[in-house]
Amino acid sequence: MKSKIREGDVLVVHTLNRFGRNAKAIKEEWQEIRKEGADIVVRDMPILDRRNDEKIPGVSELISNLALELLSWMAEEEIRKSREAQREGIEIAKVKGKYKRVGK
């Protein structure tokens, strides 16, 4: 998809964690897409709607950048907690003899 993005395009994603599995990856993907001249809309985080940057030059971009820092960290934490809960569930299933490894 990234190879098809052109200046003036609008990329709409449902949630910020679609950009990566940690804050660094999320920010890198975000910056690459913005460098191509595309706007980004994150549906569950309206503060990150970059289509409005030109309405308040500088201020809107500053707010979006600050929000991106915070929200990308939160997305990374959400992924970490999900993996931790999954590991805990697997351990409980193993103890109960109900765990079956799938795919290998």
PDB file of N, CA and C in Angstrom:
ATOM      1  N   MET A   1       0.818  -1.180   0.000  1.00  0.00           N
ATOM      2  CA  MET A   1       0.000   0.000   0.000  1.00  0.00           C
ATOM      3  C   MET A   1       0.868   1.252   0.000  1.00  0.00           C
ATOM      4  N   LYS A   2       1.958   1.231   0.785  1.00  0.00           N
ATOM      5  CA  LYS A   2       2.803   2.424   0.871  1.00  0.00           C
ATOM      6  C   LYS A   2       3.389   2.816  -0.479  1.00  0.00           C
ATOM      7  N   SER A   3       3.639   1.841  -1.332  1.00  0.00           N
ATOM      8  CA  SER A   3       4.219   2.158  -2.644  1.00  0.00           C
ATOM      9  C   SER A   3       3.225   2.897  -3.542  1.00  0.00           C
ATOM     10  N   LYS A   4       1.947   2.869  -3.202  1.00  0.00           N
ATOM     11  CA  LYS A   4       0.902   3.514  -4.007  1.00  0.00           C
ATOM     12  C   LYS A   4       0.528   4.910  -3.506  1.00  0.00           C
ATOM     13  N   ILE A   5       1.003   5.285  -2.327  1.00  0.00           N
ATOM     14  CA  ILE A   5       0.626   6.579  -1.737  1.00  0.00           C
ATOM     15  C   ILE A   5       1.271   7.718  -2.511  1.00  0.00           C
ATOM     16  N   ARG A   6       0.436   8.728  -2.811  1.00  0.00           N
ATOM     17  CA  ARG A   6       0.908   9.910  -3.529  1.00  0.00           C
ATOM     18  C   ARG A   6       0.546  11.165  -2.732  1.00  0.00           C
ATOM     19  N   GLU A   7       1.193  12.247  -3.069  1.00  0.00           N
ATOM     20  CA  GLU A   7       0.891  13.525  -2.437  1.00  0.00           C
ATOM     21  C   GLU A   7      -0.586  13.845  -2.620  1.00  0.00           C
ATOM     22  N   GLY A   8      -1.215  14.278  -1.537  1.00  0.00           N
ATOM     23  CA  GLY A   8      -2.625  14.639  -1.577  1.00  0.00           C
ATOM     24  C   GLY A   8      -3.565  13.501  -1.208  1.00  0.00           C
ATOM     25  N   ASP A   9      -3.049  12.268  -1.129  1.00  0.00           N
ATOM     26  CA  ASP A   9      -3.883  11.136  -0.712  1.00  0.00           C
ATOM     27  C   ASP A   9      -4.230  11.262   0.765  1.00  0.00           C
ATOM     28  N   VAL A  10      -5.297  10.588   1.154  1.00  0.00           N
ATOM     29  CA  VAL A  10      -5.690  10.515   2.564  1.00  0.00           C
ATOM     30  C   VAL A  10      -5.725   9.048   2.948  1.00  0.00           C
ATOM     31  N   LEU A  11      -4.896   8.680   3.905  1.00  0.00           N
ATOM     32  CA  LEU A  11      -4.873   7.311   4.416  1.00  0.00           C
ATOM     33  C   LEU A  11      -5.739   7.275   5.666  1.00  0.00           C
ATOM     34  N   VAL A  12      -6.751   6.417   5.654  1.00  0.00           N
ATOM     35  CA  VAL A  12      -7.653   6.278   6.791  1.00  0.00           C
ATOM     36  C   VAL A  12      -7.419   4.908   7.412  1.00  0.00           C
ATOM     37  N   VAL A  13      -7.098   4.902   8.713  1.00  0.00           N
ATOM     38  CA  VAL A  13      -6.935   3.653   9.447  1.00  0.00           C
ATOM     39  C   VAL A  13      -7.864   3.691  10.654  1.00  0.00           C
ATOM     40  N   HIS A  14      -8.256   2.520  11.114  1.00  0.00           N
ATOM     41  CA  HIS A  14      -9.174   2.464  12.251  1.00  0.00           C
ATOM     42  C   HIS A  14      -8.471   2.821  13.551  1.00  0.00           C
ATOM     43  N   THR A  15      -7.268   2.289  13.739  1.00  0.00           N
ATOM     44  CA  THR A  15      -6.564   2.496  14.998  1.00  0.00           C
ATOM     45  C   THR A  15      -5.073   2.679  14.752  1.00  0.00           C
ATOM     46  N   LEU A  16      -4.415   3.373  15.628  1.00  0.00           N
ATOM     47  CA  LEU A  16      -3.008   3.734  15.464  1.00  0.00           C
ATOM     48  C   LEU A  16      -2.089   2.520  15.416  1.00  0.00           C
ATOM     49  N   ASN A  17      -2.441   1.449  16.120  1.00  0.00           N
ATOM     50  CA  ASN A  17      -1.531   0.300  16.152  1.00  0.00           C
ATOM     51  C   ASN A  17      -1.468  -0.451  14.826  1.00  0.00           C
ATOM     52  N   ARG A  18      -2.211  -0.019  13.826  1.00  0.00           N
ATOM     53  CA  ARG A  18      -2.098  -0.603  12.481  1.00  0.00           C
ATOM     54  C   ARG A  18      -0.770  -0.206  11.830  1.00  0.00           C
ATOM     55  N   PHE A  19      -0.111   0.811  12.394  1.00  0.00           N
ATOM     56  CA  PHE A  19       1.164   1.278  11.840  1.00  0.00           C
ATOM     57  C   PHE A  19       2.366   0.489  12.333  1.00  0.00           C
ATOM     58  N   GLY A  20       2.223  -0.243  13.434  1.00  0.00           N
ATOM     59  CA  GLY A  20       3.364  -0.994  13.939  1.00  0.00           C
ATOM     60  C   GLY A  20       3.102  -1.629  15.281  1.00  0.00           C
ATOM     61  N   ARG A  21       4.096  -2.399  15.745  1.00  0.00           N
ATOM     62  CA  ARG A  21       3.956  -3.148  16.995  1.00  0.00           C
ATOM     63  C   ARG A  21       4.569  -2.439  18.195  1.00  0.00           C
ATOM     64  N   ASN A  22       5.223  -1.299  17.946  1.00  0.00           N
ATOM     65  CA  ASN A  22       5.773  -0.519  19.060  1.00  0.00           C
ATOM     66  C   ASN A  22       5.787   0.956  18.662  1.00  0.00           C
ATOM     67  N   ALA A  23       6.031   1.807  19.648  1.00  0.00           N
ATOM     68  CA  ALA A  23       5.950   3.258  19.416  1.00  0.00           C
ATOM     69  C   ALA A  23       6.917   3.713  18.329  1.00  0.00           C
ATOM     70  N   LYS A  24       8.119   3.162  18.321  1.00  0.00           N
ATOM     71  CA  LYS A  24       9.113   3.564  17.318  1.00  0.00           C
ATOM     72  C   LYS A  24       8.633   3.229  15.904  1.00  0.00           C
ATOM     73  N   ALA A  25       8.135   2.022  15.713  1.00  0.00           N
ATOM     74  CA  ALA A  25       7.653   1.604  14.388  1.00  0.00           C
ATOM     75  C   ALA A  25       6.453   2.433  13.952  1.00  0.00           C
ATOM     76  N   ILE A  26       5.564   2.722  14.889  1.00  0.00           N
ATOM     77  CA  ILE A  26       4.386   3.533  14.569  1.00  0.00           C
ATOM     78  C   ILE A  26       4.816   4.910  14.077  1.00  0.00           C
ATOM     79  N   LYS A  27       5.735   5.541  14.812  1.00  0.00           N
ATOM     80  CA  LYS A  27       6.182   6.886  14.434  1.00  0.00           C
ATOM     81  C   LYS A  27       6.931   6.879  13.106  1.00  0.00           C
ATOM     82  N   GLU A  28       7.740   5.853  12.865  1.00  0.00           N
ATOM     83  CA  GLU A  28       8.481   5.774  11.602  1.00  0.00           C
ATOM     84  C   GLU A  28       7.525   5.637  10.415  1.00  0.00           C
ATOM     85  N   GLU A  29       6.531   4.757  10.534  1.00  0.00           N
ATOM     86  CA  GLU A  29       5.554   4.589   9.451  1.00  0.00           C
ATOM     87  C   GLU A  29       4.795   5.891   9.222  1.00  0.00           C
ATOM     88  N   TRP A  30       4.398   6.529  10.304  1.00  0.00           N
ATOM     89  CA  TRP A  30       3.658   7.796  10.226  1.00  0.00           C
ATOM     90  C   TRP A  30       4.477   8.827   9.452  1.00  0.00           C
ATOM     91  N   GLN A  31       5.737   8.962   9.833  1.00  0.00           N
ATOM     92  CA  GLN A  31       6.598   9.968   9.203  1.00  0.00           C
ATOM     93  C   GLN A  31       6.843   9.658   7.728  1.00  0.00           C
ATOM     94  N   GLU A  32       7.013   8.399   7.369  1.00  0.00           N
ATOM     95  CA  GLU A  32       7.210   8.028   5.968  1.00  0.00           C
ATOM     96  C   GLU A  32       5.997   8.407   5.126  1.00  0.00           C
ATOM     97  N   ILE A  33       4.818   8.132   5.639  1.00  0.00           N
ATOM     98  CA  ILE A  33       3.593   8.448   4.895  1.00  0.00           C
ATOM     99  C   ILE A  33       3.429   9.958   4.775  1.00  0.00           C
ATOM    100  N   ARG A  34       3.692  10.684   5.854  1.00  0.00           N
ATOM    101  CA  ARG A  34       3.593  12.144   5.804  1.00  0.00           C
ATOM    102  C   ARG A  34       4.627  12.739   4.853  1.00  0.00           C
ATOM    103  N   LYS A  35       5.817  12.127   4.800  1.00  0.00           N
ATOM    104  CA  LYS A  35       6.867  12.615   3.903  1.00  0.00           C
ATOM    105  C   LYS A  35       6.428  12.518   2.440  1.00  0.00           C
ATOM    106  N   GLU A  36       5.600  11.541   2.134  1.00  0.00           N
ATOM    107  CA  GLU A  36       5.081  11.386   0.772  1.00  0.00           C
ATOM    108  C   GLU A  36       4.022  12.437   0.433  1.00  0.00           C
ATOM    109  N   GLY A  37       3.596  13.200   1.444  1.00  0.00           N
ATOM    110  CA  GLY A  37       2.617  14.255   1.204  1.00  0.00           C
ATOM    111  C   GLY A  37       1.182  13.820   1.424  1.00  0.00           C
ATOM    112  N   ALA A  38       0.998  12.654   2.016  1.00  0.00           N
ATOM    113  CA  ALA A  38      -0.350  12.158   2.278  1.00  0.00           C
ATOM    114  C   ALA A  38      -0.810  12.604   3.664  1.00  0.00           C
ATOM    115  N   ASP A  39      -2.104  12.791   3.806  1.00  0.00           N
ATOM    116  CA  ASP A  39      -2.700  13.073   5.104  1.00  0.00           C
ATOM    117  C   ASP A  39      -3.106  11.748   5.732  1.00  0.00           C
ATOM    118  N   ILE A  40      -3.201  11.732   7.054  1.00  0.00           N
ATOM    119  CA  ILE A  40      -3.555  10.515   7.779  1.00  0.00           C
ATOM    120  C   ILE A  40      -4.737  10.817   8.695  1.00  0.00           C
ATOM    121  N   VAL A  41      -5.689   9.909   8.691  1.00  0.00           N
ATOM    122  CA  VAL A  41      -6.838   9.995   9.582  1.00  0.00           C
ATOM    123  C   VAL A  41      -6.886   8.698  10.379  1.00  0.00           C
ATOM    124  N   VAL A  42      -6.858   8.822  11.696  1.00  0.00           N
ATOM    125  CA  VAL A  42      -7.005   7.665  12.575  1.00  0.00           C
ATOM    126  C   VAL A  42      -8.412   7.767  13.152  1.00  0.00           C
ATOM    127  N   ARG A  43      -9.283   6.845  12.743  1.00  0.00           N
ATOM    128  CA  ARG A  43     -10.713   6.970  13.049  1.00  0.00           C
ATOM    129  C   ARG A  43     -11.022   6.994  14.536  1.00  0.00           C
ATOM    130  N   ASP A  44     -10.291   6.207  15.348  1.00  0.00           N
ATOM    131  CA  ASP A  44     -10.619   6.202  16.774  1.00  0.00           C
ATOM    132  C   ASP A  44      -9.827   7.247  17.567  1.00  0.00           C
ATOM    133  N   MET A  45      -9.093   8.131  16.858  1.00  0.00           N
ATOM    134  CA  MET A  45      -8.335   9.203  17.506  1.00  0.00           C
ATOM    135  C   MET A  45      -8.412  10.474  16.646  1.00  0.00           C
ATOM    136  N   PRO A  46      -9.540  11.165  16.683  1.00  0.00           N
ATOM    137  CA  PRO A  46      -9.742  12.328  15.804  1.00  0.00           C
ATOM    138  C   PRO A  46      -8.682  13.421  15.946  1.00  0.00           C
ATOM    139  N   ILE A  47      -8.010  13.489  17.085  1.00  0.00           N
ATOM    140  CA  ILE A  47      -6.974  14.512  17.267  1.00  0.00           C
ATOM    141  C   ILE A  47      -5.824  14.301  16.283  1.00  0.00           C
ATOM    142  N   LEU A  48      -5.697  13.088  15.742  1.00  0.00           N
ATOM    143  CA  LEU A  48      -4.619  12.801  14.793  1.00  0.00           C
ATOM    144  C   LEU A  48      -5.036  13.011  13.341  1.00  0.00           C
ATOM    145  N   ASP A  49      -6.167  13.658  13.093  1.00  0.00           N
ATOM    146  CA  ASP A  49      -6.609  13.941  11.730  1.00  0.00           C
ATOM    147  C   ASP A  49      -5.734  15.040  11.155  1.00  0.00           C
ATOM    148  N   ARG A  50      -4.797  14.664  10.290  1.00  0.00           N
ATOM    149  CA  ARG A  50      -3.820  15.622   9.770  1.00  0.00           C
ATOM    150  C   ARG A  50      -4.357  16.469   8.618  1.00  0.00           C
ATOM    151  N   ARG A  51      -5.596  16.284   8.211  1.00  0.00           N
ATOM    152  CA  ARG A  51      -6.149  17.082   7.111  1.00  0.00           C
ATOM    153  C   ARG A  51      -6.359  18.535   7.499  1.00  0.00           C
ATOM    154  N   ASN A  52      -6.365  18.842   8.779  1.00  0.00           N
ATOM    155  CA  ASN A  52      -6.651  20.201   9.238  1.00  0.00           C
ATOM    156  C   ASN A  52      -5.407  21.024   9.540  1.00  0.00           C
ATOM    157  N   ASP A  53      -4.227  20.496   9.260  1.00  0.00           N
ATOM    158  CA  ASP A  53      -2.988  21.193   9.615  1.00  0.00           C
ATOM    159  C   ASP A  53      -2.888  22.597   9.027  1.00  0.00           C
ATOM    160  N   GLU A  54      -3.380  22.774   7.826  1.00  0.00           N
ATOM    161  CA  GLU A  54      -3.215  24.082   7.187  1.00  0.00           C
ATOM    162  C   GLU A  54      -4.132  25.147   7.780  1.00  0.00           C
ATOM    163  N   LYS A  55      -5.154  24.747   8.532  1.00  0.00           N
ATOM    164  CA  LYS A  55      -6.079  25.720   9.120  1.00  0.00           C
ATOM    165  C   LYS A  55      -5.418  26.540  10.227  1.00  0.00           C
ATOM    166  N   ILE A  56      -4.553  25.903  10.999  1.00  0.00           N
ATOM    167  CA  ILE A  56      -3.833  26.596  12.074  1.00  0.00           C
ATOM    168  C   ILE A  56      -2.361  26.203  11.930  1.00  0.00           C
ATOM    169  N   PRO A  57      -1.633  26.840  11.019  1.00  0.00           N
ATOM    170  CA  PRO A  57      -0.251  26.434  10.766  1.00  0.00           C
ATOM    171  C   PRO A  57       0.583  26.378  12.044  1.00  0.00           C
ATOM    172  N   GLY A  58       1.341  25.320  12.174  1.00  0.00           N
ATOM    173  CA  GLY A  58       2.230  25.170  13.313  1.00  0.00           C
ATOM    174  C   GLY A  58       1.558  24.593  14.543  1.00  0.00           C
ATOM    175  N   VAL A  59       0.488  25.225  14.999  1.00  0.00           N
ATOM    176  CA  VAL A  59      -0.178  24.792  16.227  1.00  0.00           C
ATOM    177  C   VAL A  59      -0.826  23.430  16.040  1.00  0.00           C
ATOM    178  N   SER A  60      -1.551  23.260  14.960  1.00  0.00           N
ATOM    179  CA  SER A  60      -2.215  21.980  14.704  1.00  0.00           C
ATOM    180  C   SER A  60      -1.194  20.856  14.578  1.00  0.00           C
ATOM    181  N   GLU A  61      -0.102  21.138  13.870  1.00  0.00           N
ATOM    182  CA  GLU A  61       0.942  20.120  13.703  1.00  0.00           C
ATOM    183  C   GLU A  61       1.599  19.794  15.047  1.00  0.00           C
ATOM    184  N   LEU A  62       1.840  20.805  15.867  1.00  0.00           N
ATOM    185  CA  LEU A  62       2.423  20.590  17.187  1.00  0.00           C
ATOM    186  C   LEU A  62       1.525  19.697  18.038  1.00  0.00           C
ATOM    187  N   ILE A  63       0.241  20.001  18.067  1.00  0.00           N
ATOM    188  CA  ILE A  63      -0.703  19.207  18.849  1.00  0.00           C
ATOM    189  C   ILE A  63      -0.746  17.773  18.331  1.00  0.00           C
ATOM    190  N   SER A  64      -0.789  17.607  17.019  1.00  0.00           N
ATOM    191  CA  SER A  64      -0.814  16.267  16.435  1.00  0.00           C
ATOM    192  C   SER A  64       0.450  15.492  16.765  1.00  0.00           C
ATOM    193  N   ASN A  65       1.605  16.155  16.701  1.00  0.00           N
ATOM    194  CA  ASN A  65       2.868  15.475  17.013  1.00  0.00           C
ATOM    195  C   ASN A  65       2.923  15.043  18.471  1.00  0.00           C
ATOM    196  N   LEU A  66       2.478  15.913  19.372  1.00  0.00           N
ATOM    197  CA  LEU A  66       2.437  15.548  20.788  1.00  0.00           C
ATOM    198  C   LEU A  66       1.478  14.384  21.020  1.00  0.00           C
ATOM    199  N   ALA A  67       0.327  14.448  20.392  1.00  0.00           N
ATOM    200  CA  ALA A  67      -0.655  13.374  20.529  1.00  0.00           C
ATOM    201  C   ALA A  67      -0.100  12.077  19.960  1.00  0.00           C
ATOM    202  N   LEU A  68       0.602  12.151  18.826  1.00  0.00           N
ATOM    203  CA  LEU A  68       1.193  10.954  18.219  1.00  0.00           C
ATOM    204  C   LEU A  68       2.186  10.311  19.180  1.00  0.00           C
ATOM    205  N   GLU A  69       3.016  11.106  19.827  1.00  0.00           N
ATOM    206  CA  GLU A  69       3.980  10.567  20.791  1.00  0.00           C
ATOM    207  C   GLU A  69       3.256   9.798  21.896  1.00  0.00           C
ATOM    208  N   LEU A  70       2.278  10.426  22.477  1.00  0.00           N
ATOM    209  CA  LEU A  70       1.552   9.813  23.581  1.00  0.00           C
ATOM    210  C   LEU A  70       0.755   8.591  23.120  1.00  0.00           C
ATOM    211  N   LEU A  71       0.019   8.745  22.054  1.00  0.00           N
ATOM    212  CA  LEU A  71      -0.862   7.670  21.622  1.00  0.00           C
ATOM    213  C   LEU A  71      -0.101   6.486  21.032  1.00  0.00           C
ATOM    214  N   SER A  72       1.053   6.720  20.417  1.00  0.00           N
ATOM    215  CA  SER A  72       1.846   5.597  19.922  1.00  0.00           C
ATOM    216  C   SER A  72       2.408   4.798  21.090  1.00  0.00           C
ATOM    217  N   TRP A  73       2.785   5.483  22.168  1.00  0.00           N
ATOM    218  CA  TRP A  73       3.221   4.778  23.368  1.00  0.00           C
ATOM    219  C   TRP A  73       2.074   3.954  23.944  1.00  0.00           C
ATOM    220  N   MET A  74       0.885   4.533  23.975  1.00  0.00           N
ATOM    221  CA  MET A  74      -0.278   3.818  24.500  1.00  0.00           C
ATOM    222  C   MET A  74      -0.603   2.599  23.647  1.00  0.00           C
ATOM    223  N   ALA A  75      -0.479   2.716  22.338  1.00  0.00           N
ATOM    224  CA  ALA A  75      -0.736   1.578  21.448  1.00  0.00           C
ATOM    225  C   ALA A  75       0.266   0.463  21.717  1.00  0.00           C
ATOM    226  N   GLU A  76       1.531   0.832  21.919  1.00  0.00           N
ATOM    227  CA  GLU A  76       2.556  -0.169  22.225  1.00  0.00           C
ATOM    228  C   GLU A  76       2.231  -0.880  23.544  1.00  0.00           C
ATOM    229  N   GLU A  77       1.798  -0.130  24.548  1.00  0.00           N
ATOM    230  CA  GLU A  77       1.432  -0.723  25.835  1.00  0.00           C
ATOM    231  C   GLU A  77       0.247  -1.675  25.681  1.00  0.00           C
ATOM    232  N   GLU A  78      -0.710  -1.298  24.861  1.00  0.00           N
ATOM    233  CA  GLU A  78      -1.878  -2.154  24.621  1.00  0.00           C
ATOM    234  C   GLU A  78      -1.456  -3.485  23.995  1.00  0.00           C
ATOM    235  N   ILE A  79      -0.549  -3.426  23.034  1.00  0.00           N
ATOM    236  CA  ILE A  79      -0.046  -4.643  22.392  1.00  0.00           C
ATOM    237  C   ILE A  79       0.715  -5.494  23.412  1.00  0.00           C
ATOM    238  N   ARG A  80       1.543  -4.847  24.226  1.00  0.00           N
ATOM    239  CA  ARG A  80       2.309  -5.578  25.246  1.00  0.00           C
ATOM    240  C   ARG A  80       1.380  -6.275  26.233  1.00  0.00           C
ATOM    241  N   LYS A  81       0.364  -5.577  26.708  1.00  0.00           N
ATOM    242  CA  LYS A  81      -0.582  -6.153  27.663  1.00  0.00           C
ATOM    243  C   LYS A  81      -1.358  -7.317  27.041  1.00  0.00           C
ATOM    244  N   SER A  82      -1.714  -7.181  25.782  1.00  0.00           N
ATOM    245  CA  SER A  82      -2.430  -8.255  25.087  1.00  0.00           C
ATOM    246  C   SER A  82      -1.566  -9.507  24.998  1.00  0.00           C
ATOM    247  N   ARG A  83      -0.300  -9.333  24.648  1.00  0.00           N
ATOM    248  CA  ARG A  83       0.609 -10.482  24.577  1.00  0.00           C
ATOM    249  C   ARG A  83       0.805 -11.118  25.947  1.00  0.00           C
ATOM    250  N   GLU A  84       0.902 -10.287  26.980  1.00  0.00           N
ATOM    251  CA  GLU A  84       1.063 -10.794  28.341  1.00  0.00           C
ATOM    252  C   GLU A  84      -0.164 -11.610  28.754  1.00  0.00           C
ATOM    253  N   ALA A  85      -1.347 -11.097  28.465  1.00  0.00           N
ATOM    254  CA  ALA A  85      -2.573 -11.819  28.798  1.00  0.00           C
ATOM    255  C   ALA A  85      -2.650 -13.139  28.030  1.00  0.00           C
ATOM    256  N   GLN A  86      -2.217 -13.117  26.763  1.00  0.00           N
ATOM    257  CA  GLN A  86      -2.203 -14.339  25.960  1.00  0.00           C
ATOM    258  C   GLN A  86      -1.264 -15.375  26.588  1.00  0.00           C
ATOM    259  N   ARG A  87      -0.062 -14.942  26.976  1.00  0.00           N
ATOM    260  CA  ARG A  87       0.897 -15.859  27.625  1.00  0.00           C
ATOM    261  C   ARG A  87       0.318 -16.442  28.904  1.00  0.00           C
ATOM    262  N   GLU A  88      -0.332 -15.594  29.703  1.00  0.00           N
ATOM    263  CA  GLU A  88      -0.939 -16.076  30.947  1.00  0.00           C
ATOM    264  C   GLU A  88      -2.027 -17.100  30.664  1.00  0.00           C
ATOM    265  N   GLY A  89      -2.833 -16.836  29.653  1.00  0.00           N
ATOM    266  CA  GLY A  89      -3.893 -17.772  29.272  1.00  0.00           C
ATOM    267  C   GLY A  89      -3.338 -19.106  28.811  1.00  0.00           C
ATOM    268  N   ILE A  90      -2.248 -19.070  28.076  1.00  0.00           N
ATOM    269  CA  ILE A  90      -1.606 -20.306  27.610  1.00  0.00           C
ATOM    270  C   ILE A  90      -1.075 -21.099  28.805  1.00  0.00           C
ATOM    271  N   GLU A  91      -0.459 -20.406  29.741  1.00  0.00           N
ATOM    272  CA  GLU A  91       0.072 -21.096  30.921  1.00  0.00           C
ATOM    273  C   GLU A  91      -1.050 -21.760  31.727  1.00  0.00           C
ATOM    274  N   ILE A  92      -2.154 -21.068  31.884  1.00  0.00           N
ATOM    275  CA  ILE A  92      -3.302 -21.638  32.605  1.00  0.00           C
ATOM    276  C   ILE A  92      -3.833 -22.858  31.854  1.00  0.00           C
ATOM    277  N   ALA A  93      -3.953 -22.743  30.536  1.00  0.00           N
ATOM    278  CA  ALA A  93      -4.441 -23.864  29.729  1.00  0.00           C
ATOM    279  C   ALA A  93      -3.491 -25.055  29.816  1.00  0.00           C
ATOM    280  N   LYS A  94      -2.182 -24.802  29.848  1.00  0.00           N
ATOM    281  CA  LYS A  94      -1.203 -25.890  29.980  1.00  0.00           C
ATOM    282  C   LYS A  94      -1.385 -26.620  31.308  1.00  0.00           C
ATOM    283  N   VAL A  95      -1.545 -25.864  32.398  1.00  0.00           N
ATOM    284  CA  VAL A  95      -1.722 -26.456  33.725  1.00  0.00           C
ATOM    285  C   VAL A  95      -2.977 -27.332  33.753  1.00  0.00           C
ATOM    286  N   LYS A  96      -4.036 -26.887  33.067  1.00  0.00           N
ATOM    287  CA  LYS A  96      -5.280 -27.634  33.039  1.00  0.00           C
ATOM    288  C   LYS A  96      -5.276 -28.751  31.986  1.00  0.00           C
ATOM    289  N   GLY A  97      -4.175 -28.848  31.223  1.00  0.00           N
ATOM    290  CA  GLY A  97      -4.074 -29.879  30.189  1.00  0.00           C
ATOM    291  C   GLY A  97      -4.936 -29.608  28.973  1.00  0.00           C
ATOM    292  N   LYS A  98      -5.286 -28.349  28.739  1.00  0.00           N
ATOM    293  CA  LYS A  98      -6.173 -27.980  27.630  1.00  0.00           C
ATOM    294  C   LYS A  98      -5.441 -27.239  26.498  1.00  0.00           C
ATOM    295  N   TYR A  99      -4.138 -27.065  26.629  1.00  0.00           N
ATOM    296  CA  TYR A  99      -3.386 -26.309  25.628  1.00  0.00           C
ATOM    297  C   TYR A  99      -2.963 -27.210  24.488  1.00  0.00           C
ATOM    298  N   LYS A 100      -3.264 -26.779  23.278  1.00  0.00           N
ATOM    299  CA  LYS A 100      -2.830 -27.476  22.078  1.00  0.00           C
ATOM    300  C   LYS A 100      -2.166 -26.462  21.167  1.00  0.00           C
ATOM    301  N   ARG A 101      -0.927 -26.727  20.838  1.00  0.00           N
ATOM    302  CA  ARG A 101      -0.174 -25.817  19.969  1.00  0.00           C
ATOM    303  C   ARG A 101      -0.721 -25.955  18.547  1.00  0.00           C
ATOM    304  N   VAL A 102      -1.069 -24.854  17.939  1.00  0.00           N
ATOM    305  CA  VAL A 102      -1.634 -24.839  16.595  1.00  0.00           C
ATOM    306  C   VAL A 102      -0.598 -24.365  15.598  1.00  0.00           C
ATOM    307  N   GLY A 103      -0.510 -25.026  14.474  1.00  0.00           N
ATOM    308  CA  GLY A 103       0.349 -24.547  13.395  1.00  0.00           C
ATOM    309  C   GLY A 103       1.742 -25.141  13.341  1.00  0.00           C
ATOM    310  N   LYS A 104       2.155 -25.902  14.314  1.00  0.00           N
ATOM    311  CA  LYS A 104       3.500 -26.476  14.267  1.00  0.00           C
ATOM    312  C   LYS A 104       3.474 -27.948  14.578  1.00  0.00           C
TER     313      LYS A 104
END
